[in-house]
PDB file of N, CA and C in Angstrom:
ATOM      1  N   UNK A   1      -6.832   1.281 -11.243  1.00  0.00           N
ATOM      2  CA  UNK A   1      -7.173   2.233 -10.387  1.00  0.00           C
ATOM      3  C   UNK A   1      -6.779   1.979  -8.667  1.00  0.00           C
ATOM      4  N   UNK A   2      -7.143   0.946  -8.437  1.00  0.00           N
ATOM      5  CA  UNK A   2      -6.573   0.543  -6.982  1.00  0.00           C
ATOM      6  C   UNK A   2      -5.090   0.574  -6.698  1.00  0.00           C
ATOM      7  N   UNK A   3      -4.252   0.444  -8.017  1.00  0.00           N
ATOM      8  CA  UNK A   3      -2.842   0.287  -7.694  1.00  0.00           C
ATOM      9  C   UNK A   3      -2.371   1.672  -7.685  1.00  0.00           C
ATOM     10  N   UNK A   4      -3.088   2.490  -8.451  1.00  0.00           N
ATOM     11  CA  UNK A   4      -2.408   4.007  -8.724  1.00  0.00           C
ATOM     12  C   UNK A   4      -2.756   4.612  -7.465  1.00  0.00           C
ATOM     13  N   UNK A   5      -3.854   4.391  -6.597  1.00  0.00           N
ATOM     14  CA  UNK A   5      -4.256   5.071  -5.534  1.00  0.00           C
ATOM     15  C   UNK A   5      -3.620   4.655  -4.435  1.00  0.00           C
ATOM     16  N   UNK A   6      -3.630   3.176  -4.250  1.00  0.00           N
ATOM     17  CA  UNK A   6      -2.588   2.821  -3.093  1.00  0.00           C
ATOM     18  C   UNK A   6      -1.090   3.323  -3.347  1.00  0.00           C
ATOM     19  N   UNK A   7      -0.590   3.365  -4.558  1.00  0.00           N
ATOM     20  CA  UNK A   7       1.007   4.163  -4.709  1.00  0.00           C
ATOM     21  C   UNK A   7       0.726   5.656  -4.215  1.00  0.00           C
ATOM     22  N   UNK A   8      -0.211   6.210  -4.337  1.00  0.00           N
ATOM     23  CA  UNK A   8      -0.339   7.647  -3.763  1.00  0.00           C
ATOM     24  C   UNK A   8      -0.479   7.767  -2.524  1.00  0.00           C
ATOM     25  N   UNK A   9      -1.222   6.801  -1.913  1.00  0.00           N
ATOM     26  CA  UNK A   9      -1.647   6.840  -0.209  1.00  0.00           C
ATOM     27  C   UNK A   9      -0.282   6.429   0.218  1.00  0.00           C
ATOM     28  N   UNK A  10       0.523   5.823  -0.445  1.00  0.00           N
ATOM     29  CA  UNK A  10       1.855   5.095   0.368  1.00  0.00           C
ATOM     30  C   UNK A  10       2.805   6.220   0.206  1.00  0.00           C
ATOM     31  N   UNK A  11       3.015   6.899  -0.797  1.00  0.00           N
ATOM     32  CA  UNK A  11       3.769   7.940  -1.064  1.00  0.00           C
ATOM     33  C   UNK A  11       3.685   9.310  -0.080  1.00  0.00           C
ATOM     34  N   UNK A  12       2.347   9.480   0.093  1.00  0.00           N
ATOM     35  CA  UNK A  12       1.859  10.603   0.999  1.00  0.00           C
ATOM     36  C   UNK A  12       2.537  10.233   2.436  1.00  0.00           C
ATOM     37  N   UNK A  13       2.186   9.093   2.990  1.00  0.00           N
ATOM     38  CA  UNK A  13       2.683   8.564   4.287  1.00  0.00           C
ATOM     39  C   UNK A  13       1.889   8.999   5.377  1.00  0.00           C
ATOM     40  N   UNK A  14       0.567   9.544   5.141  1.00  0.00           N
ATOM     41  CA  UNK A  14      -0.137   9.864   6.143  1.00  0.00           C
ATOM     42  C   UNK A  14      -1.013   8.659   6.873  1.00  0.00           C
ATOM     43  N   UNK A  15      -1.361   8.044   5.877  1.00  0.00           N
ATOM     44  CA  UNK A  15      -2.156   6.696   6.363  1.00  0.00           C
ATOM     45  C   UNK A  15      -1.116   5.432   6.816  1.00  0.00           C
ATOM     46  N   UNK A  16      -1.508   4.652   7.584  1.00  0.00           N
ATOM     47  CA  UNK A  16      -1.011   3.311   8.229  1.00  0.00           C
ATOM     48  C   UNK A  16      -1.150   2.552   6.561  1.00  0.00           C
ATOM     49  N   UNK A  17      -0.695   1.506   6.357  1.00  0.00           N
ATOM     50  CA  UNK A  17      -0.972   0.336   5.526  1.00  0.00           C
ATOM     51  C   UNK A  17      -2.221  -0.107   5.799  1.00  0.00           C
ATOM     52  N   UNK A  18      -2.449  -0.394   7.227  1.00  0.00           N
ATOM     53  CA  UNK A  18      -3.682  -0.959   7.561  1.00  0.00           C
ATOM     54  C   UNK A  18      -4.965   0.197   6.885  1.00  0.00           C
ATOM     55  N   UNK A  19      -4.880   1.470   7.260  1.00  0.00           N
ATOM     56  CA  UNK A  19      -5.792   2.120   7.037  1.00  0.00           C
ATOM     57  C   UNK A  19      -5.965   2.428   5.181  1.00  0.00           C
ATOM     58  N   UNK A  20      -4.785   2.170   4.746  1.00  0.00           N
ATOM     59  CA  UNK A  20      -4.615   2.190   3.084  1.00  0.00           C
ATOM     60  C   UNK A  20      -5.673   1.187   2.677  1.00  0.00           C
ATOM     61  N   UNK A  21      -5.396   0.123   3.336  1.00  0.00           N
ATOM     62  CA  UNK A  21      -6.153  -1.221   2.775  1.00  0.00           C
ATOM     63  C   UNK A  21      -7.677  -0.864   2.961  1.00  0.00           C
ATOM     64  N   UNK A  22      -7.931  -0.346   3.880  1.00  0.00           N
ATOM     65  CA  UNK A  22      -9.577  -0.090   4.410  1.00  0.00           C
ATOM     66  C   UNK A  22      -9.930   0.805   3.275  1.00  0.00           C
ATOM     67  N   UNK A  23      -9.058   1.985   2.993  1.00  0.00           N
ATOM     68  CA  UNK A  23      -9.645   2.710   1.917  1.00  0.00           C
ATOM     69  C   UNK A  23      -9.913   2.371   0.732  1.00  0.00           C
ATOM     70  N   UNK A  24      -9.345   1.454   0.451  1.00  0.00           N
ATOM     71  CA  UNK A  24      -9.327   0.689  -0.868  1.00  0.00           C
ATOM     72  C   UNK A  24     -10.320  -0.491  -0.907  1.00  0.00           C
ATOM     73  N   UNK A  25     -10.751  -0.643   0.039  1.00  0.00           N
ATOM     74  CA  UNK A  25     -12.008  -1.699  -0.043  1.00  0.00           C
ATOM     75  C   UNK A  25     -11.422  -3.177   0.105  1.00  0.00           C
ATOM     76  N   UNK A  26     -10.140  -3.283   0.851  1.00  0.00           N
ATOM     77  CA  UNK A  26      -9.732  -4.712   0.909  1.00  0.00           C
ATOM     78  C   UNK A  26     -10.434  -5.123   2.513  1.00  0.00           C
ATOM     79  N   UNK A  27     -10.440  -6.473   2.729  1.00  0.00           N
ATOM     80  CA  UNK A  27     -11.214  -6.643   3.978  1.00  0.00           C
ATOM     81  C   UNK A  27     -10.116  -6.616   4.904  1.00  0.00           C
ATOM     82  N   UNK A  28      -8.571  -6.730   4.533  1.00  0.00           N
ATOM     83  CA  UNK A  28      -7.749  -6.797   5.633  1.00  0.00           C
ATOM     84  C   UNK A  28      -6.282  -6.449   5.187  1.00  0.00           C
ATOM     85  N   UNK A  29      -5.551  -6.041   5.840  1.00  0.00           N
ATOM     86  CA  UNK A  29      -3.983  -5.827   5.397  1.00  0.00           C
ATOM     87  C   UNK A  29      -3.334  -6.836   4.596  1.00  0.00           C
ATOM     88  N   UNK A  30      -3.533  -8.062   4.892  1.00  0.00           N
ATOM     89  CA  UNK A  30      -3.109  -9.106   4.281  1.00  0.00           C
ATOM     90  C   UNK A  30      -3.762  -9.262   2.754  1.00  0.00           C
ATOM     91  N   UNK A  31      -4.634  -8.962   2.571  1.00  0.00           N
ATOM     92  CA  UNK A  31      -5.334  -9.223   1.329  1.00  0.00           C
ATOM     93  C   UNK A  31      -4.744  -7.977   0.631  1.00  0.00           C
ATOM     94  N   UNK A  32      -4.705  -6.956   0.816  1.00  0.00           N
ATOM     95  CA  UNK A  32      -3.948  -5.585   0.398  1.00  0.00           C
ATOM     96  C   UNK A  32      -2.494  -5.802  -0.101  1.00  0.00           C
ATOM     97  N   UNK A  33      -2.016  -6.396   0.879  1.00  0.00           N
ATOM     98  CA  UNK A  33      -0.237  -6.560   0.665  1.00  0.00           C
ATOM     99  C   UNK A  33      -0.409  -7.808  -0.352  1.00  0.00           C
ATOM    100  N   UNK A  34      -0.835  -8.462  -0.438  1.00  0.00           N
ATOM    101  CA  UNK A  34      -0.760  -9.699  -1.564  1.00  0.00           C
ATOM    102  C   UNK A  34      -1.355  -9.108  -2.874  1.00  0.00           C
ATOM    103  N   UNK A  35      -2.326  -8.354  -2.961  1.00  0.00           N
ATOM    104  CA  UNK A  35      -2.530  -7.578  -4.205  1.00  0.00           C
ATOM    105  C   UNK A  35      -1.690  -6.442  -4.764  1.00  0.00           C
ATOM    106  N   UNK A  36      -1.245  -5.988  -3.831  1.00  0.00           N
ATOM    107  CA  UNK A  36      -0.346  -4.738  -4.236  1.00  0.00           C
ATOM    108  C   UNK A  36       1.319  -5.618  -4.514  1.00  0.00           C
ATOM    109  N   UNK A  37       1.604  -6.570  -4.127  1.00  0.00           N
ATOM    110  CA  UNK A  37       2.847  -7.295  -4.435  1.00  0.00           C
ATOM    111  C   UNK A  37       2.472  -8.095  -5.922  1.00  0.00           C
ATOM    112  N   UNK A  38       1.404  -8.303  -5.949  1.00  0.00           N
ATOM    113  CA  UNK A  38       0.954  -8.960  -7.427  1.00  0.00           C
ATOM    114  C   UNK A  38       1.314  -8.080  -8.545  1.00  0.00           C
ATOM    115  N   UNK A  39       0.369  -6.530  -8.066  1.00  0.00           N
ATOM    116  CA  UNK A  39       0.552  -5.469  -9.269  1.00  0.00           C
ATOM    117  C   UNK A  39       2.022  -4.991  -9.522  1.00  0.00           C
ATOM    118  N   UNK A  40       2.974  -5.090  -8.090  1.00  0.00           N
ATOM    119  CA  UNK A  40       3.912  -4.264  -8.217  1.00  0.00           C
ATOM    120  C   UNK A  40       5.547  -5.138  -8.144  1.00  0.00           C
ATOM    121  N   UNK A  41       5.143  -6.325  -7.565  1.00  0.00           N
ATOM    122  CA  UNK A  41       6.383  -7.196  -7.491  1.00  0.00           C
ATOM    123  C   UNK A  41       6.981  -6.932  -6.252  1.00  0.00           C
ATOM    124  N   UNK A  42       6.563  -5.947  -5.599  1.00  0.00           N
ATOM    125  CA  UNK A  42       7.175  -5.596  -4.394  1.00  0.00           C
ATOM    126  C   UNK A  42       6.154  -5.187  -3.023  1.00  0.00           C
ATOM    127  N   UNK A  43       6.576  -5.843  -1.972  1.00  0.00           N
ATOM    128  CA  UNK A  43       5.576  -5.687  -0.949  1.00  0.00           C
ATOM    129  C   UNK A  43       5.146  -4.166  -0.329  1.00  0.00           C
ATOM    130  N   UNK A  44       4.011  -3.798  -0.092  1.00  0.00           N
ATOM    131  CA  UNK A  44       3.890  -2.219   0.201  1.00  0.00           C
ATOM    132  C   UNK A  44       4.714  -1.716   1.455  1.00  0.00           C
ATOM    133  N   UNK A  45       4.925  -2.733   2.341  1.00  0.00           N
ATOM    134  CA  UNK A  45       5.936  -2.245   3.599  1.00  0.00           C
ATOM    135  C   UNK A  45       7.086  -1.981   3.092  1.00  0.00           C
ATOM    136  N   UNK A  46       7.876  -2.587   1.953  1.00  0.00           N
ATOM    137  CA  UNK A  46       8.839  -2.179   1.470  1.00  0.00           C
ATOM    138  C   UNK A  46       9.056  -0.851   0.747  1.00  0.00           C
ATOM    139  N   UNK A  47       8.131  -0.556  -0.002  1.00  0.00           N
ATOM    140  CA  UNK A  47       7.743   0.600  -0.559  1.00  0.00           C
ATOM    141  C   UNK A  47       7.662   1.682   0.614  1.00  0.00           C
ATOM    142  N   UNK A  48       6.794   1.508   1.573  1.00  0.00           N
ATOM    143  CA  UNK A  48       6.615   2.407   2.894  1.00  0.00           C
ATOM    144  C   UNK A  48       8.131   2.611   3.309  1.00  0.00           C
ATOM    145  N   UNK A  49       8.900   1.610   3.454  1.00  0.00           N
ATOM    146  CA  UNK A  49      10.365   2.041   3.926  1.00  0.00           C
ATOM    147  C   UNK A  49      11.104   2.683   3.120  1.00  0.00           C
ATOM    148  N   UNK A  50      11.150   2.628   1.899  1.00  0.00           N
ATOM    149  CA  UNK A  50      11.953   3.541   0.828  1.00  0.00           C
ATOM    150  C   UNK A  50      11.015   4.872   1.131  1.00  0.00           C
ATOM    151  N   UNK A  51       9.933   4.866   1.136  1.00  0.00           N
ATOM    152  CA  UNK A  51       9.279   6.513   1.217  1.00  0.00           C
ATOM    153  C   UNK A  51       9.942   7.219   2.387  1.00  0.00           C
ATOM    154  N   UNK A  52       9.920   6.612   3.747  1.00  0.00           N
ATOM    155  CA  UNK A  52      10.448   6.669   4.929  1.00  0.00           C
ATOM    156  C   UNK A  52      11.944   7.254   4.778  1.00  0.00           C
ATOM    157  N   UNK A  53      12.506   6.275   4.273  1.00  0.00           N
ATOM    158  CA  UNK A  53      14.127   6.739   4.095  1.00  0.00           C
ATOM    159  C   UNK A  53      14.588   7.636   3.238  1.00  0.00           C
ATOM    160  N   UNK A  54      13.672   8.006   2.300  1.00  0.00           N
ATOM    161  CA  UNK A  54      14.077   9.305   1.367  1.00  0.00           C
ATOM    162  C   UNK A  54      13.637  10.718   1.953  1.00  0.00           C
TER     163      UNK A  54
END
């Protein structure tokens, strides 16, 4: 569930990655980034860059 919500929030582009981490209940951006990379194999910052570029 967190993975799907994280992807939705990243795709929307309204919140910073830090705000997304807080929204999902992570203690900090680093913890969120590690979990997201474990879920998807890609860092959330990389996904955000792709969203911005498209």
